[in-house]
Amino acid sequence: MKNNNIRAVFKKVSPFLKSIVMGFTGNMNIKNTKPEFEAVKKELKNAKSNLDQDEIGIILNLIKENSFQGKDLETIYNLVIKLQDQYLSLEKEN
């Protein structure tokens, strides 16, 4: 069951991450990822199912190992704070 959830998360996040990686391969310029990022953000916000602790850890590690443009830093920062809060609350439950 966890593998299916992990795949679903990667399926939602992968277009955004791919655009970042592809942007770095071409003159270190990130393509305009805002529309894709906003779509992923909206999907994640509207998702009814909660992520488990492992899935949150995977996403946080993916974010940790990537670089972002200044214009996306505030959004990424806010997302990481929310993910960390959810991760810590799940850790307390276990």
PDB file of N, CA and C in Angstrom:
ATOM      1  N   MET A   1       0.818  -1.192   0.000  1.00  0.00           N
ATOM      2  CA  MET A   1       0.000   0.000   0.000  1.00  0.00           C
ATOM      3  C   MET A   1       0.865   1.261   0.000  1.00  0.00           C
ATOM      4  N   LYS A   2       1.970   1.244   0.790  1.00  0.00           N
ATOM      5  CA  LYS A   2       2.836   2.412   0.844  1.00  0.00           C
ATOM      6  C   LYS A   2       3.489   2.690  -0.495  1.00  0.00           C
ATOM      7  N   ASN A   3       3.856   1.622  -1.235  1.00  0.00           N
ATOM      8  CA  ASN A   3       4.480   1.825  -2.539  1.00  0.00           C
ATOM      9  C   ASN A   3       3.546   2.534  -3.494  1.00  0.00           C
ATOM     10  N   ASN A   4       2.250   2.188  -3.443  1.00  0.00           N
ATOM     11  CA  ASN A   4       1.286   2.861  -4.309  1.00  0.00           C
ATOM     12  C   ASN A   4       1.155   4.331  -3.939  1.00  0.00           C
ATOM     13  N   ASN A   5       1.180   4.627  -2.632  1.00  0.00           N
ATOM     14  CA  ASN A   5       1.096   6.021  -2.197  1.00  0.00           C
ATOM     15  C   ASN A   5       2.327   6.794  -2.626  1.00  0.00           C
ATOM     16  N   ILE A   6       3.489   6.166  -2.508  1.00  0.00           N
ATOM     17  CA  ILE A   6       4.728   6.819  -2.906  1.00  0.00           C
ATOM     18  C   ILE A   6       4.720   7.089  -4.399  1.00  0.00           C
ATOM     19  N   ARG A   7       4.251   6.127  -5.171  1.00  0.00           N
ATOM     20  CA  ARG A   7       4.163   6.328  -6.626  1.00  0.00           C
ATOM     21  C   ARG A   7       3.223   7.470  -6.968  1.00  0.00           C
ATOM     22  N   ALA A   8       2.106   7.563  -6.245  1.00  0.00           N
ATOM     23  CA  ALA A   8       1.138   8.632  -6.504  1.00  0.00           C
ATOM     24  C   ALA A   8       1.761  10.000  -6.214  1.00  0.00           C
ATOM     25  N   VAL A   9       2.520  10.090  -5.133  1.00  0.00           N
ATOM     26  CA  VAL A   9       3.174  11.347  -4.797  1.00  0.00           C
ATOM     27  C   VAL A   9       4.190  11.712  -5.870  1.00  0.00           C
ATOM     28  N   PHE A  10       5.019  10.740  -6.275  1.00  0.00           N
ATOM     29  CA  PHE A  10       6.014  11.008  -7.312  1.00  0.00           C
ATOM     30  C   PHE A  10       5.351  11.396  -8.622  1.00  0.00           C
ATOM     31  N   LYS A  11       4.215  10.786  -8.933  1.00  0.00           N
ATOM     32  CA  LYS A  11       3.520  11.102 -10.181  1.00  0.00           C
ATOM     33  C   LYS A  11       3.050  12.562 -10.169  1.00  0.00           C
ATOM     34  N   LYS A  12       2.624  13.041  -9.005  1.00  0.00           N
ATOM     35  CA  LYS A  12       2.159  14.423  -8.899  1.00  0.00           C
ATOM     36  C   LYS A  12       3.318  15.414  -8.896  1.00  0.00           C
ATOM     37  N   VAL A  13       4.420  15.056  -8.279  1.00  0.00           N
ATOM     38  CA  VAL A  13       5.540  15.979  -8.105  1.00  0.00           C
ATOM     39  C   VAL A  13       6.547  15.891  -9.249  1.00  0.00           C
ATOM     40  N   SER A  14       6.590  14.778  -9.962  1.00  0.00           N
ATOM     41  CA  SER A  14       7.634  14.569 -10.963  1.00  0.00           C
ATOM     42  C   SER A  14       7.667  15.603 -12.094  1.00  0.00           C
ATOM     43  N   PRO A  15       6.533  16.092 -12.623  1.00  0.00           N
ATOM     44  CA  PRO A  15       6.657  17.114 -13.682  1.00  0.00           C
ATOM     45  C   PRO A  15       7.370  18.371 -13.192  1.00  0.00           C
ATOM     46  N   PHE A  16       7.107  18.767 -11.970  1.00  0.00           N
ATOM     47  CA  PHE A  16       7.758  19.936 -11.398  1.00  0.00           C
ATOM     48  C   PHE A  16       9.254  19.687 -11.242  1.00  0.00           C
ATOM     49  N   LEU A  17       9.608  18.550 -10.674  1.00  0.00           N
ATOM     50  CA  LEU A  17      11.019  18.228 -10.473  1.00  0.00           C
ATOM     51  C   LEU A  17      11.746  18.064 -11.805  1.00  0.00           C
ATOM     52  N   LYS A  18      11.072  17.465 -12.787  1.00  0.00           N
ATOM     53  CA  LYS A  18      11.682  17.290 -14.105  1.00  0.00           C
ATOM     54  C   LYS A  18      11.988  18.641 -14.737  1.00  0.00           C
ATOM     55  N   SER A  19      11.065  19.583 -14.598  1.00  0.00           N
ATOM     56  CA  SER A  19      11.307  20.900 -15.187  1.00  0.00           C
ATOM     57  C   SER A  19      12.484  21.594 -14.517  1.00  0.00           C
ATOM     58  N   ILE A  20      12.664  21.359 -13.220  1.00  0.00           N
ATOM     59  CA  ILE A  20      13.802  21.944 -12.516  1.00  0.00           C
ATOM     60  C   ILE A  20      15.101  21.318 -13.017  1.00  0.00           C
ATOM     61  N   VAL A  21      15.123  19.996 -13.095  1.00  0.00           N
ATOM     62  CA  VAL A  21      16.328  19.297 -13.542  1.00  0.00           C
ATOM     63  C   VAL A  21      16.657  19.684 -14.980  1.00  0.00           C
ATOM     64  N   MET A  22      15.666  19.708 -15.833  1.00  0.00           N
ATOM     65  CA  MET A  22      15.909  20.064 -17.231  1.00  0.00           C
ATOM     66  C   MET A  22      16.372  21.517 -17.337  1.00  0.00           C
ATOM     67  N   GLY A  23      15.884  22.370 -16.466  1.00  0.00           N
ATOM     68  CA  GLY A  23      16.328  23.761 -16.471  1.00  0.00           C
ATOM     69  C   GLY A  23      17.796  23.878 -16.122  1.00  0.00           C
ATOM     70  N   PHE A  24      18.256  23.042 -15.205  1.00  0.00           N
ATOM     71  CA  PHE A  24      19.659  23.084 -14.812  1.00  0.00           C
ATOM     72  C   PHE A  24      20.576  22.542 -15.901  1.00  0.00           C
ATOM     73  N   THR A  25      20.085  21.625 -16.712  1.00  0.00           N
ATOM     74  CA  THR A  25      20.938  21.069 -17.754  1.00  0.00           C
ATOM     75  C   THR A  25      21.146  22.049 -18.897  1.00  0.00           C
ATOM     76  N   GLY A  26      20.312  23.058 -19.011  1.00  0.00           N
ATOM     77  CA  GLY A  26      20.451  24.039 -20.088  1.00  0.00           C
ATOM     78  C   GLY A  26      20.853  25.389 -19.542  1.00  0.00           C
ATOM     79  N   ASN A  27      22.130  25.673 -19.496  1.00  0.00           N
ATOM     80  CA  ASN A  27      22.670  26.972 -19.084  1.00  0.00           C
ATOM     81  C   ASN A  27      22.285  27.384 -17.663  1.00  0.00           C
ATOM     82  N   MET A  28      22.000  26.432 -16.828  1.00  0.00           N
ATOM     83  CA  MET A  28      21.667  26.692 -15.427  1.00  0.00           C
ATOM     84  C   MET A  28      20.487  27.646 -15.265  1.00  0.00           C
ATOM     85  N   ASN A  29      19.612  27.721 -16.230  1.00  0.00           N
ATOM     86  CA  ASN A  29      18.413  28.545 -16.130  1.00  0.00           C
ATOM     87  C   ASN A  29      17.212  27.634 -15.945  1.00  0.00           C
ATOM     88  N   ILE A  30      16.427  27.923 -14.943  1.00  0.00           N
ATOM     89  CA  ILE A  30      15.218  27.128 -14.709  1.00  0.00           C
ATOM     90  C   ILE A  30      14.121  27.651 -15.624  1.00  0.00           C
ATOM     91  N   LYS A  31      13.451  26.718 -16.276  1.00  0.00           N
ATOM     92  CA  LYS A  31      12.331  27.101 -17.119  1.00  0.00           C
ATOM     93  C   LYS A  31      11.234  27.690 -16.236  1.00  0.00           C
ATOM     94  N   ASN A  32      10.282  28.299 -16.868  1.00  0.00           N
ATOM     95  CA  ASN A  32       9.164  28.851 -16.115  1.00  0.00           C
ATOM     96  C   ASN A  32       8.364  27.692 -15.518  1.00  0.00           C
ATOM     97  N   THR A  33       8.589  27.403 -14.256  1.00  0.00           N
ATOM     98  CA  THR A  33       7.940  26.274 -13.592  1.00  0.00           C
ATOM     99  C   THR A  33       6.715  26.709 -12.806  1.00  0.00           C
ATOM    100  N   LYS A  34       6.453  27.982 -12.763  1.00  0.00           N
ATOM    101  CA  LYS A  34       5.355  28.484 -11.946  1.00  0.00           C
ATOM    102  C   LYS A  34       4.021  27.825 -12.272  1.00  0.00           C
ATOM    103  N   PRO A  35       3.585  27.733 -13.546  1.00  0.00           N
ATOM    104  CA  PRO A  35       2.290  27.083 -13.810  1.00  0.00           C
ATOM    105  C   PRO A  35       2.271  25.629 -13.348  1.00  0.00           C
ATOM    106  N   GLU A  36       3.355  24.887 -13.613  1.00  0.00           N
ATOM    107  CA  GLU A  36       3.400  23.491 -13.189  1.00  0.00           C
ATOM    108  C   GLU A  36       3.434  23.397 -11.674  1.00  0.00           C
ATOM    109  N   PHE A  37       4.212  24.260 -11.034  1.00  0.00           N
ATOM    110  CA  PHE A  37       4.311  24.246  -9.582  1.00  0.00           C
ATOM    111  C   PHE A  37       2.965  24.574  -8.955  1.00  0.00           C
ATOM    112  N   GLU A  38       2.283  25.578  -9.499  1.00  0.00           N
ATOM    113  CA  GLU A  38       0.978  25.960  -8.962  1.00  0.00           C
ATOM    114  C   GLU A  38      -0.031  24.823  -9.125  1.00  0.00           C
ATOM    115  N   ALA A  39       0.044  24.093 -10.245  1.00  0.00           N
ATOM    116  CA  ALA A  39      -0.865  22.969 -10.456  1.00  0.00           C
ATOM    117  C   ALA A  39      -0.607  21.867  -9.434  1.00  0.00           C
ATOM    118  N   VAL A  40       0.665  21.570  -9.186  1.00  0.00           N
ATOM    119  CA  VAL A  40       1.018  20.550  -8.190  1.00  0.00           C
ATOM    120  C   VAL A  40       0.585  21.006  -6.806  1.00  0.00           C
ATOM    121  N   LYS A  41       0.839  22.260  -6.501  1.00  0.00           N
ATOM    122  CA  LYS A  41       0.468  22.814  -5.202  1.00  0.00           C
ATOM    123  C   LYS A  41      -1.048  22.718  -4.989  1.00  0.00           C
ATOM    124  N   LYS A  42      -1.812  23.041  -6.039  1.00  0.00           N
ATOM    125  CA  LYS A  42      -3.276  22.975  -5.946  1.00  0.00           C
ATOM    126  C   LYS A  42      -3.740  21.538  -5.755  1.00  0.00           C
ATOM    127  N   GLU A  43      -3.142  20.598  -6.498  1.00  0.00           N
ATOM    128  CA  GLU A  43      -3.495  19.192  -6.345  1.00  0.00           C
ATOM    129  C   GLU A  43      -3.211  18.696  -4.942  1.00  0.00           C
ATOM    130  N   LEU A  44      -2.043  19.047  -4.416  1.00  0.00           N
ATOM    131  CA  LEU A  44      -1.684  18.610  -3.071  1.00  0.00           C
ATOM    132  C   LEU A  44      -2.597  19.231  -2.023  1.00  0.00           C
ATOM    133  N   LYS A  45      -2.988  20.480  -2.239  1.00  0.00           N
ATOM    134  CA  LYS A  45      -3.876  21.160  -1.295  1.00  0.00           C
ATOM    135  C   LYS A  45      -5.261  20.525  -1.289  1.00  0.00           C
ATOM    136  N   ASN A  46      -5.724  20.095  -2.460  1.00  0.00           N
ATOM    137  CA  ASN A  46      -7.051  19.519  -2.572  1.00  0.00           C
ATOM    138  C   ASN A  46      -7.095  18.022  -2.295  1.00  0.00           C
ATOM    139  N   ALA A  47      -5.940  17.414  -2.089  1.00  0.00           N
ATOM    140  CA  ALA A  47      -5.900  15.970  -1.857  1.00  0.00           C
ATOM    141  C   ALA A  47      -6.599  15.634  -0.555  1.00  0.00           C
ATOM    142  N   LYS A  48      -7.437  14.604  -0.592  1.00  0.00           N
ATOM    143  CA  LYS A  48      -8.186  14.187   0.590  1.00  0.00           C
ATOM    144  C   LYS A  48      -7.360  13.271   1.478  1.00  0.00           C
ATOM    145  N   SER A  49      -6.464  12.511   0.893  1.00  0.00           N
ATOM    146  CA  SER A  49      -5.699  11.556   1.681  1.00  0.00           C
ATOM    147  C   SER A  49      -4.483  12.239   2.289  1.00  0.00           C
ATOM    148  N   ASN A  50      -4.131  11.795   3.479  1.00  0.00           N
ATOM    149  CA  ASN A  50      -2.956  12.330   4.152  1.00  0.00           C
ATOM    150  C   ASN A  50      -1.733  11.515   3.773  1.00  0.00           C
ATOM    151  N   LEU A  51      -0.595  12.152   3.810  1.00  0.00           N
ATOM    152  CA  LEU A  51       0.659  11.457   3.556  1.00  0.00           C
ATOM    153  C   LEU A  51       1.123  10.803   4.849  1.00  0.00           C
ATOM    154  N   ASP A  52       1.766   9.647   4.720  1.00  0.00           N
ATOM    155  CA  ASP A  52       2.321   9.034   5.917  1.00  0.00           C
ATOM    156  C   ASP A  52       3.730   9.585   6.154  1.00  0.00           C
ATOM    157  N   GLN A  53       4.327   9.178   7.255  1.00  0.00           N
ATOM    158  CA  GLN A  53       5.617   9.731   7.661  1.00  0.00           C
ATOM    159  C   GLN A  53       6.714   9.437   6.637  1.00  0.00           C
ATOM    160  N   ASP A  54       6.708   8.247   6.056  1.00  0.00           N
ATOM    161  CA  ASP A  54       7.716   7.890   5.047  1.00  0.00           C
ATOM    162  C   ASP A  54       7.592   8.763   3.804  1.00  0.00           C
ATOM    163  N   GLU A  55       6.372   9.000   3.350  1.00  0.00           N
ATOM    164  CA  GLU A  55       6.154   9.823   2.159  1.00  0.00           C
ATOM    165  C   GLU A  55       6.599  11.264   2.391  1.00  0.00           C
ATOM    166  N   ILE A  56       6.302  11.785   3.569  1.00  0.00           N
ATOM    167  CA  ILE A  56       6.729  13.143   3.892  1.00  0.00           C
ATOM    168  C   ILE A  56       8.251  13.215   3.925  1.00  0.00           C
ATOM    169  N   GLY A  57       8.886  12.198   4.493  1.00  0.00           N
ATOM    170  CA  GLY A  57      10.346  12.146   4.531  1.00  0.00           C
ATOM    171  C   GLY A  57      10.949  12.139   3.141  1.00  0.00           C
ATOM    172  N   ILE A  58      10.340  11.395   2.226  1.00  0.00           N
ATOM    173  CA  ILE A  58      10.824  11.339   0.843  1.00  0.00           C
ATOM    174  C   ILE A  58      10.732  12.718   0.190  1.00  0.00           C
ATOM    175  N   ILE A  59       9.599  13.374   0.363  1.00  0.00           N
ATOM    176  CA  ILE A  59       9.414  14.695  -0.243  1.00  0.00           C
ATOM    177  C   ILE A  59      10.405  15.706   0.345  1.00  0.00           C
ATOM    178  N   LEU A  60      10.577  15.669   1.671  1.00  0.00           N
ATOM    179  CA  LEU A  60      11.530  16.594   2.301  1.00  0.00           C
ATOM    180  C   LEU A  60      12.948  16.353   1.802  1.00  0.00           C
ATOM    181  N   ASN A  61      13.314  15.091   1.617  1.00  0.00           N
ATOM    182  CA  ASN A  61      14.650  14.791   1.084  1.00  0.00           C
ATOM    183  C   ASN A  61      14.802  15.255  -0.357  1.00  0.00           C
ATOM    184  N   LEU A  62      13.757  15.107  -1.159  1.00  0.00           N
ATOM    185  CA  LEU A  62      13.811  15.599  -2.540  1.00  0.00           C
ATOM    186  C   LEU A  62      13.995  17.108  -2.568  1.00  0.00           C
ATOM    187  N   ILE A  63      13.288  17.797  -1.706  1.00  0.00           N
ATOM    188  CA  ILE A  63      13.411  19.250  -1.643  1.00  0.00           C
ATOM    189  C   ILE A  63      14.813  19.633  -1.172  1.00  0.00           C
ATOM    190  N   LYS A  64      15.315  18.904  -0.171  1.00  0.00           N
ATOM    191  CA  LYS A  64      16.638  19.204   0.390  1.00  0.00           C
ATOM    192  C   LYS A  64      17.734  19.090  -0.669  1.00  0.00           C
ATOM    193  N   GLU A  65      17.598  18.143  -1.574  1.00  0.00           N
ATOM    194  CA  GLU A  65      18.649  17.883  -2.542  1.00  0.00           C
ATOM    195  C   GLU A  65      18.486  18.651  -3.850  1.00  0.00           C
ATOM    196  N   ASN A  66      17.564  19.602  -3.893  1.00  0.00           N
ATOM    197  CA  ASN A  66      17.355  20.409  -5.093  1.00  0.00           C
ATOM    198  C   ASN A  66      17.626  21.872  -4.800  1.00  0.00           C
ATOM    199  N   SER A  67      17.798  22.637  -5.865  1.00  0.00           N
ATOM    200  CA  SER A  67      17.983  24.083  -5.752  1.00  0.00           C
ATOM    201  C   SER A  67      16.788  24.771  -6.386  1.00  0.00           C
ATOM    202  N   PHE A  68      16.460  25.931  -5.862  1.00  0.00           N
ATOM    203  CA  PHE A  68      15.290  26.649  -6.348  1.00  0.00           C
ATOM    204  C   PHE A  68      15.656  28.106  -6.592  1.00  0.00           C
ATOM    205  N   GLN A  69      14.898  28.729  -7.487  1.00  0.00           N
ATOM    206  CA  GLN A  69      15.107  30.145  -7.767  1.00  0.00           C
ATOM    207  C   GLN A  69      14.566  30.973  -6.609  1.00  0.00           C
ATOM    208  N   GLY A  70      15.075  32.166  -6.497  1.00  0.00           N
ATOM    209  CA  GLY A  70      14.651  33.059  -5.424  1.00  0.00           C
ATOM    210  C   GLY A  70      13.153  33.290  -5.384  1.00  0.00           C
ATOM    211  N   LYS A  71      12.533  33.375  -6.553  1.00  0.00           N
ATOM    212  CA  LYS A  71      11.094  33.662  -6.577  1.00  0.00           C
ATOM    213  C   LYS A  71      10.262  32.512  -5.998  1.00  0.00           C
ATOM    214  N   ASP A  72      10.813  31.307  -5.948  1.00  0.00           N
ATOM    215  CA  ASP A  72      10.089  30.158  -5.415  1.00  0.00           C
ATOM    216  C   ASP A  72      10.434  29.847  -3.960  1.00  0.00           C
ATOM    217  N   LEU A  73      11.422  30.531  -3.415  1.00  0.00           N
ATOM    218  CA  LEU A  73      11.915  30.190  -2.076  1.00  0.00           C
ATOM    219  C   LEU A  73      10.860  30.347  -0.993  1.00  0.00           C
ATOM    220  N   GLU A  74      10.080  31.402  -1.026  1.00  0.00           N
ATOM    221  CA  GLU A  74       9.066  31.596   0.008  1.00  0.00           C
ATOM    222  C   GLU A  74       8.014  30.490  -0.037  1.00  0.00           C
ATOM    223  N   THR A  75       7.594  30.130  -1.241  1.00  0.00           N
ATOM    224  CA  THR A  75       6.606  29.057  -1.393  1.00  0.00           C
ATOM    225  C   THR A  75       7.174  27.730  -0.918  1.00  0.00           C
ATOM    226  N   ILE A  76       8.413  27.436  -1.306  1.00  0.00           N
ATOM    227  CA  ILE A  76       9.063  26.196  -0.883  1.00  0.00           C
ATOM    228  C   ILE A  76       9.236  26.187   0.631  1.00  0.00           C
ATOM    229  N   TYR A  77       9.649  27.319   1.182  1.00  0.00           N
ATOM    230  CA  TYR A  77       9.835  27.434   2.635  1.00  0.00           C
ATOM    231  C   TYR A  77       8.529  27.122   3.367  1.00  0.00           C
ATOM    232  N   ASN A  78       7.433  27.741   2.932  1.00  0.00           N
ATOM    233  CA  ASN A  78       6.129  27.507   3.572  1.00  0.00           C
ATOM    234  C   ASN A  78       5.696  26.056   3.436  1.00  0.00           C
ATOM    235  N   LEU A  79       5.955  25.461   2.289  1.00  0.00           N
ATOM    236  CA  LEU A  79       5.621  24.052   2.070  1.00  0.00           C
ATOM    237  C   LEU A  79       6.430  23.154   3.000  1.00  0.00           C
ATOM    238  N   VAL A  80       7.708  23.432   3.134  1.00  0.00           N
ATOM    239  CA  VAL A  80       8.570  22.626   4.010  1.00  0.00           C
ATOM    240  C   VAL A  80       8.118  22.741   5.462  1.00  0.00           C
ATOM    241  N   ILE A  81       7.753  23.930   5.897  1.00  0.00           N
ATOM    242  CA  ILE A  81       7.273  24.117   7.272  1.00  0.00           C
ATOM    243  C   ILE A  81       6.035  23.258   7.514  1.00  0.00           C
ATOM    244  N   LYS A  82       5.098  23.273   6.574  1.00  0.00           N
ATOM    245  CA  LYS A  82       3.884  22.463   6.722  1.00  0.00           C
ATOM    246  C   LYS A  82       4.209  20.974   6.744  1.00  0.00           C
ATOM    247  N   LEU A  83       5.097  20.557   5.847  1.00  0.00           N
ATOM    248  CA  LEU A  83       5.484  19.150   5.815  1.00  0.00           C
ATOM    249  C   LEU A  83       6.185  18.730   7.104  1.00  0.00           C
ATOM    250  N   GLN A  84       7.060  19.588   7.617  1.00  0.00           N
ATOM    251  CA  GLN A  84       7.757  19.275   8.864  1.00  0.00           C
ATOM    252  C   GLN A  84       6.782  19.180  10.033  1.00  0.00           C
ATOM    253  N   ASP A  85       5.818  20.088  10.087  1.00  0.00           N
ATOM    254  CA  ASP A  85       4.807  20.039  11.152  1.00  0.00           C
ATOM    255  C   ASP A  85       4.012  18.744  11.091  1.00  0.00           C
ATOM    256  N   GLN A  86       3.598  18.362   9.884  1.00  0.00           N
ATOM    257  CA  GLN A  86       2.842  17.122   9.729  1.00  0.00           C
ATOM    258  C   GLN A  86       3.720  15.920  10.086  1.00  0.00           C
ATOM    259  N   TYR A  87       4.982  15.951   9.677  1.00  0.00           N
ATOM    260  CA  TYR A  87       5.917  14.866   9.984  1.00  0.00           C
ATOM    261  C   TYR A  87       6.078  14.708  11.499  1.00  0.00           C
ATOM    262  N   LEU A  88       6.275  15.825  12.194  1.00  0.00           N
ATOM    263  CA  LEU A  88       6.453  15.781  13.649  1.00  0.00           C
ATOM    264  C   LEU A  88       5.187  15.320  14.364  1.00  0.00           C
ATOM    265  N   SER A  89       4.023  15.726  13.864  1.00  0.00           N
ATOM    266  CA  SER A  89       2.769  15.284  14.502  1.00  0.00           C
ATOM    267  C   SER A  89       2.579  13.781  14.298  1.00  0.00           C
ATOM    268  N   LEU A  90       2.960  13.260  13.141  1.00  0.00           N
ATOM    269  CA  LEU A  90       2.869  11.827  12.917  1.00  0.00           C
ATOM    270  C   LEU A  90       3.881  11.077  13.787  1.00  0.00           C
ATOM    271  N   GLU A  91       5.047  11.687  13.993  1.00  0.00           N
ATOM    272  CA  GLU A  91       6.067  11.076  14.832  1.00  0.00           C
ATOM    273  C   GLU A  91       5.596  10.964  16.274  1.00  0.00           C
ATOM    274  N   LYS A  92       4.871  11.984  16.752  1.00  0.00           N
ATOM    275  CA  LYS A  92       4.338  11.957  18.120  1.00  0.00           C
ATOM    276  C   LYS A  92       3.257  10.879  18.272  1.00  0.00           C
ATOM    277  N   GLU A  93       2.464  10.672  17.218  1.00  0.00           N
ATOM    278  CA  GLU A  93       1.399   9.660  17.264  1.00  0.00           C
ATOM    279  C   GLU A  93       1.985   8.250  17.357  1.00  0.00           C
ATOM    280  N   ASN A  94       3.125   8.051  16.740  1.00  0.00           N
ATOM    281  CA  ASN A  94       3.736   6.716  16.741  1.00  0.00           C
ATOM    282  C   ASN A  94       4.570   6.585  17.955  1.00  0.00           C
TER     283      ASN A  94
END
